[in-house]
Amino acid sequence: MSELCGCGCGGTPSPGYKFLPGHHMRLESYKQAAKAVLIKSNTGRKLSEEHRNNISRSTTGVPKTPGHSVWDRNPNWRGGTSLIRTPNCLKLKKQVRKRDGFRCQVCGEYGYYVTIINFDKTDVRADNLITLCRSCLSKRNRSNREDDIVELQRKALRNIEKERTDE
């Protein structure tokens, strides 16, 4: 009979091992040993007042001051999420997924991601939205936008025409 994981979870580790991967860290003795190593490595280390304040601020949940994050200093930063939400955004996405039959409109696989065809985030209409799978969404986000827009618009129009003929 094979032995159970040493952490007490009831799992069976691979032959020759006492723990499942990562489960050795669950032991209290391991946690205490790791803490002792950290304490020993920081013993005698002098932190500046600013460093201590930064640590305190980061652990107390006080929001960091604007303009001081890595993102704010990046020249490509546009001020946060660029997704423009309409009051019926989630409902509209559900309608588009249902319209497209939960299928990617490029490859036909299961699709969940609803994206805007013409890359204009202010143009949120059902006929400008399309359902894609993760793979096709990733390819689309890396592709030439002009060619992609034309192809996706063609597919969306075919789907809308098909939907009208089915009714």
Protein backbone atom coordinates (compact mmCIF):
# COMPACT_ATOMS: atom_id res chain seq x y z
CA MET A 1 0.00 0.00 0.00
CA SER A 2 1.36 3.43 -0.93
CA GLU A 3 1.97 6.01 1.74
CA LEU A 4 -0.11 9.15 2.17
CA CYS A 5 1.19 12.69 1.85
CA GLY A 6 3.17 13.80 4.91
CA CYS A 7 1.10 16.98 5.34
CA GLY A 8 -2.01 14.97 6.20
CA CYS A 9 -4.10 15.96 3.17
CA GLY A 10 -4.81 12.32 2.28
CA GLY A 11 -3.23 12.51 -1.17
CA THR A 12 -0.79 9.95 -2.50
CA PRO A 13 2.65 11.28 -3.49
CA SER A 14 4.75 9.79 -6.27
CA PRO A 15 6.86 6.74 -5.37
CA GLY A 16 9.97 7.77 -3.43
CA TYR A 17 8.46 11.06 -2.20
CA LYS A 18 6.91 11.88 1.18
CA PHE A 19 4.84 14.88 -0.01
CA LEU A 20 2.78 15.97 -2.99
CA PRO A 21 4.46 18.89 -4.82
CA GLY A 22 4.41 21.99 -2.61
CA HIS A 23 2.80 20.26 0.37
CA HIS A 24 5.96 20.28 2.48
CA MET A 25 5.34 24.01 2.93
CA ARG A 26 2.13 23.23 4.84
CA LEU A 27 4.02 21.85 7.81
CA GLU A 28 4.27 24.17 10.79
CA SER A 29 7.95 23.22 11.25
CA TYR A 30 8.67 24.33 7.66
CA LYS A 31 6.88 27.66 8.24
CA GLN A 32 8.85 28.25 11.44
CA ALA A 33 12.13 27.40 9.72
CA ALA A 34 11.36 29.76 6.82
CA LYS A 35 10.48 32.53 9.26
CA ALA A 36 13.73 31.95 11.18
CA VAL A 37 15.76 32.24 7.96
CA LEU A 38 14.06 35.55 7.11
CA ILE A 39 14.61 36.91 10.60
CA LYS A 40 18.27 35.86 10.55
CA SER A 41 18.88 37.40 7.10
CA ASN A 42 17.35 40.72 8.20
CA THR A 43 18.99 40.85 11.64
CA GLY A 44 21.13 43.96 12.01
CA ARG A 45 19.86 45.47 8.78
CA LYS A 46 19.07 49.15 9.15
CA LEU A 47 16.10 50.44 7.18
CA SER A 48 15.66 54.11 6.40
CA GLU A 49 12.63 55.97 7.74
CA GLU A 50 11.22 56.21 4.21
CA HIS A 51 11.64 52.45 3.68
CA ARG A 52 9.86 51.66 6.97
CA ASN A 53 7.03 54.05 6.04
CA ASN A 54 6.68 52.41 2.63
CA ILE A 55 6.50 48.96 4.21
CA SER A 56 3.94 50.20 6.72
CA ARG A 57 1.83 51.83 4.01
CA SER A 58 1.90 48.75 1.80
CA THR A 59 0.83 46.43 4.59
CA THR A 60 -1.90 48.61 6.10
CA GLY A 61 -3.89 48.97 2.89
CA VAL A 62 -3.46 52.73 2.58
CA PRO A 63 -3.73 53.58 -1.12
CA LYS A 64 -0.49 54.61 -2.74
CA THR A 65 -0.18 58.20 -3.87
CA PRO A 66 -1.15 58.79 -7.53
CA GLY A 67 1.74 59.31 -9.92
CA HIS A 68 4.04 57.03 -7.97
CA SER A 69 3.20 53.65 -9.41
CA VAL A 70 5.13 51.98 -12.20
CA TRP A 71 2.10 52.29 -14.49
CA ASP A 72 1.78 56.05 -14.06
CA ARG A 73 5.34 56.60 -15.22
CA ASN A 74 4.95 54.45 -18.35
CA PRO A 75 4.48 56.61 -21.48
CA ASN A 76 1.83 54.19 -22.79
CA TRP A 77 -0.34 54.51 -19.66
CA ARG A 78 -3.80 55.86 -20.47
CA GLY A 79 -5.17 56.24 -16.96
CA GLY A 80 -6.60 52.86 -16.04
CA THR A 81 -9.05 50.49 -17.63
CA SER A 82 -10.06 51.49 -21.11
CA LEU A 83 -13.19 49.37 -21.14
CA ILE A 84 -16.20 51.63 -21.46
CA ARG A 85 -19.16 50.04 -19.72
CA THR A 86 -22.69 50.74 -20.79
CA PRO A 87 -25.59 50.16 -18.40
CA ASN A 88 -26.53 46.98 -20.29
CA CYS A 89 -22.97 45.79 -20.97
CA LEU A 90 -23.26 42.34 -19.38
CA LYS A 91 -26.72 41.77 -20.84
CA LEU A 92 -25.46 42.80 -24.28
CA LYS A 93 -22.50 40.40 -24.03
CA LYS A 94 -24.87 37.56 -23.12
CA GLN A 95 -27.05 38.40 -26.13
CA VAL A 96 -24.05 38.38 -28.45
CA ARG A 97 -22.80 35.03 -27.10
CA LYS A 98 -26.28 33.57 -27.53
CA ARG A 99 -26.59 35.05 -31.03
CA ASP A 100 -23.26 33.48 -32.00
CA GLY A 101 -24.22 30.17 -30.39
CA PHE A 102 -21.32 30.35 -27.92
CA ARG A 103 -19.03 29.62 -30.89
CA CYS A 104 -15.94 31.48 -32.02
CA GLN A 105 -16.85 33.27 -35.23
CA VAL A 106 -13.38 32.66 -36.67
CA CYS A 107 -12.62 28.99 -35.98
CA GLY A 108 -15.94 27.58 -34.73
CA GLU A 109 -14.59 26.35 -31.37
CA TYR A 110 -16.32 27.18 -28.07
CA GLY A 111 -16.18 30.96 -27.68
CA TYR A 112 -16.71 33.05 -24.58
CA TYR A 113 -14.89 36.34 -25.21
CA VAL A 114 -16.99 39.12 -26.71
CA THR A 115 -14.89 41.75 -28.42
CA ILE A 116 -15.47 44.89 -30.45
CA ILE A 117 -14.98 44.43 -34.19
CA ASN A 118 -13.77 47.91 -35.18
CA PHE A 119 -11.57 48.54 -32.08
CA ASP A 120 -13.63 51.67 -31.23
CA LYS A 121 -14.56 51.15 -27.59
CA THR A 122 -17.23 53.87 -27.76
CA ASP A 123 -19.10 51.97 -30.51
CA VAL A 124 -20.79 49.35 -28.35
CA ARG A 125 -23.61 47.90 -30.47
CA ALA A 126 -24.61 44.26 -30.90
CA ASP A 127 -23.72 44.30 -34.60
CA ASN A 128 -20.23 45.61 -33.73
CA LEU A 129 -19.56 42.82 -31.22
CA ILE A 130 -18.38 39.29 -31.99
CA THR A 131 -17.70 36.16 -29.95
CA LEU A 132 -14.18 34.69 -30.10
CA CYS A 133 -12.30 31.86 -28.39
CA ARG A 134 -9.21 32.64 -26.34
CA SER A 135 -6.82 31.63 -29.11
CA CYS A 136 -8.47 33.74 -31.82
CA LEU A 137 -8.82 36.71 -29.47
CA SER A 138 -5.10 36.51 -28.75
CA LYS A 139 -4.26 36.32 -32.47
CA ARG A 140 -6.61 39.22 -33.19
CA ASN A 141 -4.99 41.41 -30.57
CA ARG A 142 -1.58 40.83 -32.17
CA SER A 143 -2.69 41.19 -35.80
CA ASN A 144 -2.92 44.00 -38.32
CA ARG A 145 -6.03 45.87 -37.25
CA GLU A 146 -7.22 47.05 -40.68
CA ASP A 147 -7.23 43.57 -42.25
CA ASP A 148 -8.78 42.10 -39.13
CA ILE A 149 -11.61 44.62 -38.98
CA VAL A 150 -12.68 43.88 -42.54
CA GLU A 151 -12.65 40.10 -41.99
CA LEU A 152 -14.54 40.26 -38.69
CA GLN A 153 -17.13 42.66 -40.14
CA ARG A 154 -17.77 40.21 -43.00
CA LYS A 155 -18.28 37.35 -40.55
CA ALA A 156 -20.52 39.44 -38.30
CA LEU A 157 -22.68 40.48 -41.27
CA ARG A 158 -23.01 36.85 -42.36
CA ASN A 159 -24.15 35.93 -38.84
CA ILE A 160 -26.69 38.76 -38.70
CA GLU A 161 -28.09 37.82 -42.14
CA LYS A 162 -28.26 34.17 -41.08
CA GLU A 163 -30.08 35.17 -37.89
CA ARG A 164 -32.65 37.18 -39.90
CA THR A 165 -33.32 34.29 -42.30
CA ASP A 166 -33.78 31.87 -39.39
CA GLU A 167 -36.57 34.03 -37.91
